Amino acid sequence: MVLKKYLNRSNKLVVLLLMLALAVMLAACGAQKDSGEAAEDASQEEAPETPVVEVVKSIDEIDTEDMHDLPLQIESITLLEDGTLRIVPLEDLLKNAETNNEVKDGAIYPFADSGKVKDFYLVRYGNGGFRTIICLMEDGSLSALSANELINDHITVVWDNLTGRDTYVSVEEVEGEDGYGVVGVTEDGEEIDLDFSLDF
């Protein structure tokens, strides 16, 4: 009889201990789940949103089959709102840019060290089918790619501060009897011949 009572008490004690252990485990699981959700919420809150940079201006179809100009081996030129000029290279221009580790996200950014670009122009000059990209910079100066290196060597070489002025507001391509020319228009309306600042 005493043994039976002792066993009943032991069973009750075991059951009680099991229930207590189960309650502790459930509480721990709940706390772990809550902390996991809190950590996930915190990580979602901390993750910075990638800002969307708007396109200001873009030119596609740079080299076409029916053109009379020398190919630049460029697929597109895009000016972004933050003043970045993005150029998508092709063929040898792409290979050389990859060799020089200049390609980022499928594009090159040759004017990155020149400052912020306000506008850009793809212009013809001379009578040999030469073209180049001229950028109007935020400070009013002009920067350009060397057409010789771009067309003949398939690399990008930037010339900054063309003519030494910082009062430009636009660039215009002009067509003459013997070919094309390029002028930079200043704040006071003066047209500066840029042909001599560009290489042939």
Protein backbone atom coordinates (compact mmCIF):
# COMPACT_ATOMS: atom_id res chain seq x y z
CA MET A 1 0.00 0.00 0.00
CA VAL A 2 2.80 2.40 0.90
CA LEU A 3 4.61 1.39 -2.31
CA LYS A 4 1.48 2.08 -4.37
CA LYS A 5 1.10 5.54 -2.83
CA TYR A 6 4.77 6.23 -3.46
CA LEU A 7 4.43 5.23 -7.14
CA ASN A 8 1.33 7.40 -7.57
CA ARG A 9 3.20 10.36 -6.09
CA SER A 10 6.20 9.65 -8.32
CA ASN A 11 3.99 9.44 -11.43
CA LYS A 12 2.30 12.68 -10.52
CA LEU A 13 5.68 14.28 -9.95
CA VAL A 14 6.99 13.01 -13.31
CA VAL A 15 3.87 14.22 -15.11
CA LEU A 16 4.16 17.56 -13.34
CA LEU A 17 7.84 17.85 -14.31
CA LEU A 18 7.05 16.92 -17.92
CA MET A 19 4.30 19.53 -18.08
CA LEU A 20 6.65 22.13 -16.62
CA ALA A 21 9.39 21.24 -19.13
CA LEU A 22 6.88 21.40 -21.99
CA ALA A 23 5.68 24.82 -20.85
CA VAL A 24 9.27 26.10 -20.70
CA MET A 25 10.00 24.74 -24.19
CA LEU A 26 6.86 26.33 -25.67
CA ALA A 27 7.71 29.65 -24.06
CA ALA A 28 11.26 29.47 -25.44
CA CYS A 29 10.00 28.65 -28.95
CA GLY A 30 7.60 31.56 -28.83
CA ALA A 31 10.34 33.95 -27.70
CA GLN A 32 12.67 32.67 -30.43
CA LYS A 33 9.97 33.14 -33.08
CA ASP A 34 9.24 36.67 -31.85
CA SER A 35 12.93 37.60 -31.87
CA GLY A 36 13.33 36.09 -35.36
CA GLU A 37 10.38 38.14 -36.65
CA ALA A 38 11.75 41.23 -34.93
CA ALA A 39 15.16 40.67 -36.51
CA GLU A 40 13.56 40.16 -39.91
CA ASP A 41 11.51 43.35 -39.50
CA ALA A 42 14.63 45.23 -38.39
CA SER A 43 16.63 43.97 -41.36
CA GLN A 44 13.84 45.00 -43.72
CA GLU A 45 13.74 48.45 -42.12
CA GLU A 46 17.53 48.84 -42.24
CA ALA A 47 17.88 47.77 -45.90
CA PRO A 48 18.34 51.02 -47.84
CA GLU A 49 16.12 51.54 -50.83
CA THR A 50 17.99 51.76 -54.12
CA PRO A 51 17.31 55.24 -55.48
CA VAL A 52 15.85 55.36 -58.97
CA VAL A 53 17.93 57.67 -61.15
CA GLU A 54 15.89 59.26 -63.93
CA VAL A 55 17.08 59.38 -67.55
CA VAL A 56 17.45 62.97 -68.77
CA LYS A 57 18.48 62.25 -72.37
CA SER A 58 19.34 59.18 -74.42
CA ILE A 59 20.56 58.47 -77.95
CA ASP A 60 20.29 54.97 -79.44
CA GLU A 61 21.26 53.60 -82.84
CA ILE A 62 24.57 55.43 -82.94
CA ASP A 63 25.99 53.31 -85.79
CA THR A 64 23.51 52.47 -88.53
CA GLU A 65 23.99 50.63 -91.83
CA ASP A 66 22.89 53.58 -93.96
CA MET A 67 25.15 56.19 -92.34
CA HIS A 68 28.10 57.87 -94.03
CA ASP A 69 29.97 58.43 -90.75
CA LEU A 70 32.76 56.29 -89.35
CA PRO A 71 31.44 53.81 -86.74
CA LEU A 72 31.98 54.69 -83.08
CA GLN A 73 31.20 51.16 -81.82
CA ILE A 74 28.71 52.60 -79.34
CA GLU A 75 25.24 51.16 -78.81
CA SER A 76 23.76 53.98 -76.75
CA ILE A 77 24.56 57.13 -74.79
CA THR A 78 22.47 58.04 -71.75
CA LEU A 79 22.58 61.06 -69.45
CA LEU A 80 21.24 60.36 -65.96
CA GLU A 81 19.69 62.89 -63.61
CA ASP A 82 22.70 62.73 -61.26
CA GLY A 83 25.02 64.05 -64.01
CA THR A 84 26.43 60.66 -65.01
CA LEU A 85 26.98 59.90 -68.71
CA ARG A 86 26.59 56.19 -69.44
CA ILE A 87 27.99 54.80 -72.72
CA VAL A 88 27.33 51.22 -73.84
CA PRO A 89 30.32 50.10 -75.95
CA LEU A 90 30.42 47.43 -78.66
CA GLU A 91 33.03 45.31 -80.46
CA ASP A 92 36.65 46.54 -80.08
CA LEU A 93 35.66 49.48 -77.88
CA LEU A 94 34.04 47.00 -75.47
CA LYS A 95 37.03 44.62 -75.58
CA ASN A 96 39.50 47.40 -74.84
CA ALA A 97 37.33 48.76 -72.05
CA GLU A 98 37.10 45.29 -70.50
CA THR A 99 40.89 44.90 -70.75
CA ASN A 100 41.29 48.21 -68.91
CA ASN A 101 38.63 47.28 -66.29
CA GLU A 102 36.46 50.22 -67.33
CA VAL A 103 33.21 48.31 -67.81
CA LYS A 104 30.64 48.52 -65.02
CA ASP A 105 27.15 47.04 -65.43
CA GLY A 106 27.74 46.70 -69.18
CA ALA A 107 28.69 50.35 -69.68
CA ILE A 108 31.62 52.78 -69.49
CA TYR A 109 31.69 56.18 -67.80
CA PRO A 110 34.57 58.13 -69.37
CA PHE A 111 33.45 61.51 -68.01
CA ALA A 112 33.24 60.32 -64.38
CA ASP A 113 36.38 62.28 -63.38
CA SER A 114 35.38 65.39 -65.33
CA GLY A 115 32.47 66.42 -63.12
CA LYS A 116 28.72 66.34 -63.54
CA VAL A 117 27.37 66.42 -67.09
CA LYS A 118 24.51 68.85 -67.72
CA ASP A 119 23.91 67.92 -71.38
CA PHE A 120 25.67 66.04 -74.15
CA TYR A 121 25.87 66.26 -77.93
CA LEU A 122 26.81 63.70 -80.57
CA VAL A 123 28.27 65.88 -83.32
CA ARG A 124 29.87 65.58 -86.74
CA TYR A 125 32.81 67.71 -87.70
CA GLY A 126 35.12 67.96 -90.68
CA ASN A 127 34.40 66.11 -93.93
CA GLY A 128 35.83 62.66 -93.18
CA GLY A 129 32.90 61.11 -91.33
CA PHE A 130 34.27 61.98 -87.90
CA ARG A 131 31.94 62.26 -84.92
CA THR A 132 32.47 62.73 -81.24
CA ILE A 133 30.64 63.28 -77.96
CA ILE A 134 30.86 66.74 -76.40
CA CYS A 135 29.54 67.29 -72.88
CA LEU A 136 28.32 70.54 -71.40
CA MET A 137 29.44 70.29 -67.80
CA GLU A 138 27.59 71.64 -64.79
CA ASP A 139 30.24 74.36 -64.33
CA GLY A 140 29.70 75.70 -67.88
CA SER A 141 32.84 74.18 -69.39
CA LEU A 142 32.99 71.65 -72.23
CA SER A 143 34.57 68.18 -72.25
CA ALA A 144 34.88 65.90 -75.27
CA LEU A 145 36.05 62.48 -76.36
CA SER A 146 38.99 62.44 -78.73
CA ALA A 147 37.58 61.21 -82.04
CA ASN A 148 40.97 59.92 -83.21
CA GLU A 149 41.34 57.56 -80.26
CA LEU A 150 37.66 56.64 -80.28
CA ILE A 151 37.47 55.78 -83.98
CA ASN A 152 40.98 54.57 -84.77
CA ASP A 153 42.17 53.04 -81.49
CA HIS A 154 38.77 52.17 -79.98
CA ILE A 155 39.54 53.71 -76.59
CA THR A 156 38.10 56.70 -74.75
CA VAL A 157 40.34 59.71 -74.10
CA VAL A 158 38.64 62.75 -72.54
CA TRP A 159 39.67 66.33 -73.15
CA ASP A 160 38.39 68.64 -70.43
CA ASN A 161 37.88 72.40 -70.45
CA LEU A 162 37.82 72.91 -74.23
CA THR A 163 38.85 76.49 -75.14
CA GLY A 164 39.38 77.31 -71.45
CA ARG A 165 35.94 78.90 -71.03
CA ASP A 166 33.24 78.11 -68.48
CA THR A 167 30.37 80.19 -69.86
CA TYR A 168 28.89 77.72 -72.36
CA VAL A 169 25.17 77.00 -72.44
CA SER A 170 24.95 74.69 -75.48
CA VAL A 171 26.77 73.11 -78.42
CA GLU A 172 25.60 73.16 -82.04
CA GLU A 173 26.59 71.21 -85.13
CA VAL A 174 26.69 73.40 -88.24
CA GLU A 175 26.75 72.19 -91.83
CA GLY A 176 28.86 74.02 -94.40
CA GLU A 177 29.69 73.52 -98.05
CA ASP A 178 32.79 71.44 -97.31
CA GLY A 179 31.59 69.50 -94.28
CA TYR A 180 30.49 69.97 -90.73
CA GLY A 181 31.63 72.22 -87.91
CA VAL A 182 30.86 72.55 -84.21
CA VAL A 183 30.31 75.72 -82.20
CA GLY A 184 29.89 76.29 -78.49
CA VAL A 185 27.30 78.91 -77.58
CA THR A 186 28.13 81.08 -74.55
CA GLU A 187 25.83 82.81 -72.07
CA ASP A 188 26.03 86.08 -74.02
CA GLY A 189 25.19 84.36 -77.33
CA GLU A 190 28.73 84.25 -78.72
CA GLU A 191 29.46 81.25 -80.96
CA ILE A 192 32.93 79.80 -80.43
CA ASP A 193 34.37 77.56 -83.15
CA LEU A 194 35.30 74.25 -81.51
CA ASP A 195 36.79 72.53 -84.57
CA PHE A 196 40.32 73.60 -83.63
CA SER A 197 39.85 72.15 -80.13
CA LEU A 198 38.90 68.76 -81.59
CA ASP A 199 41.31 66.49 -83.44
CA PHE A 200 40.86 65.28 -87.00
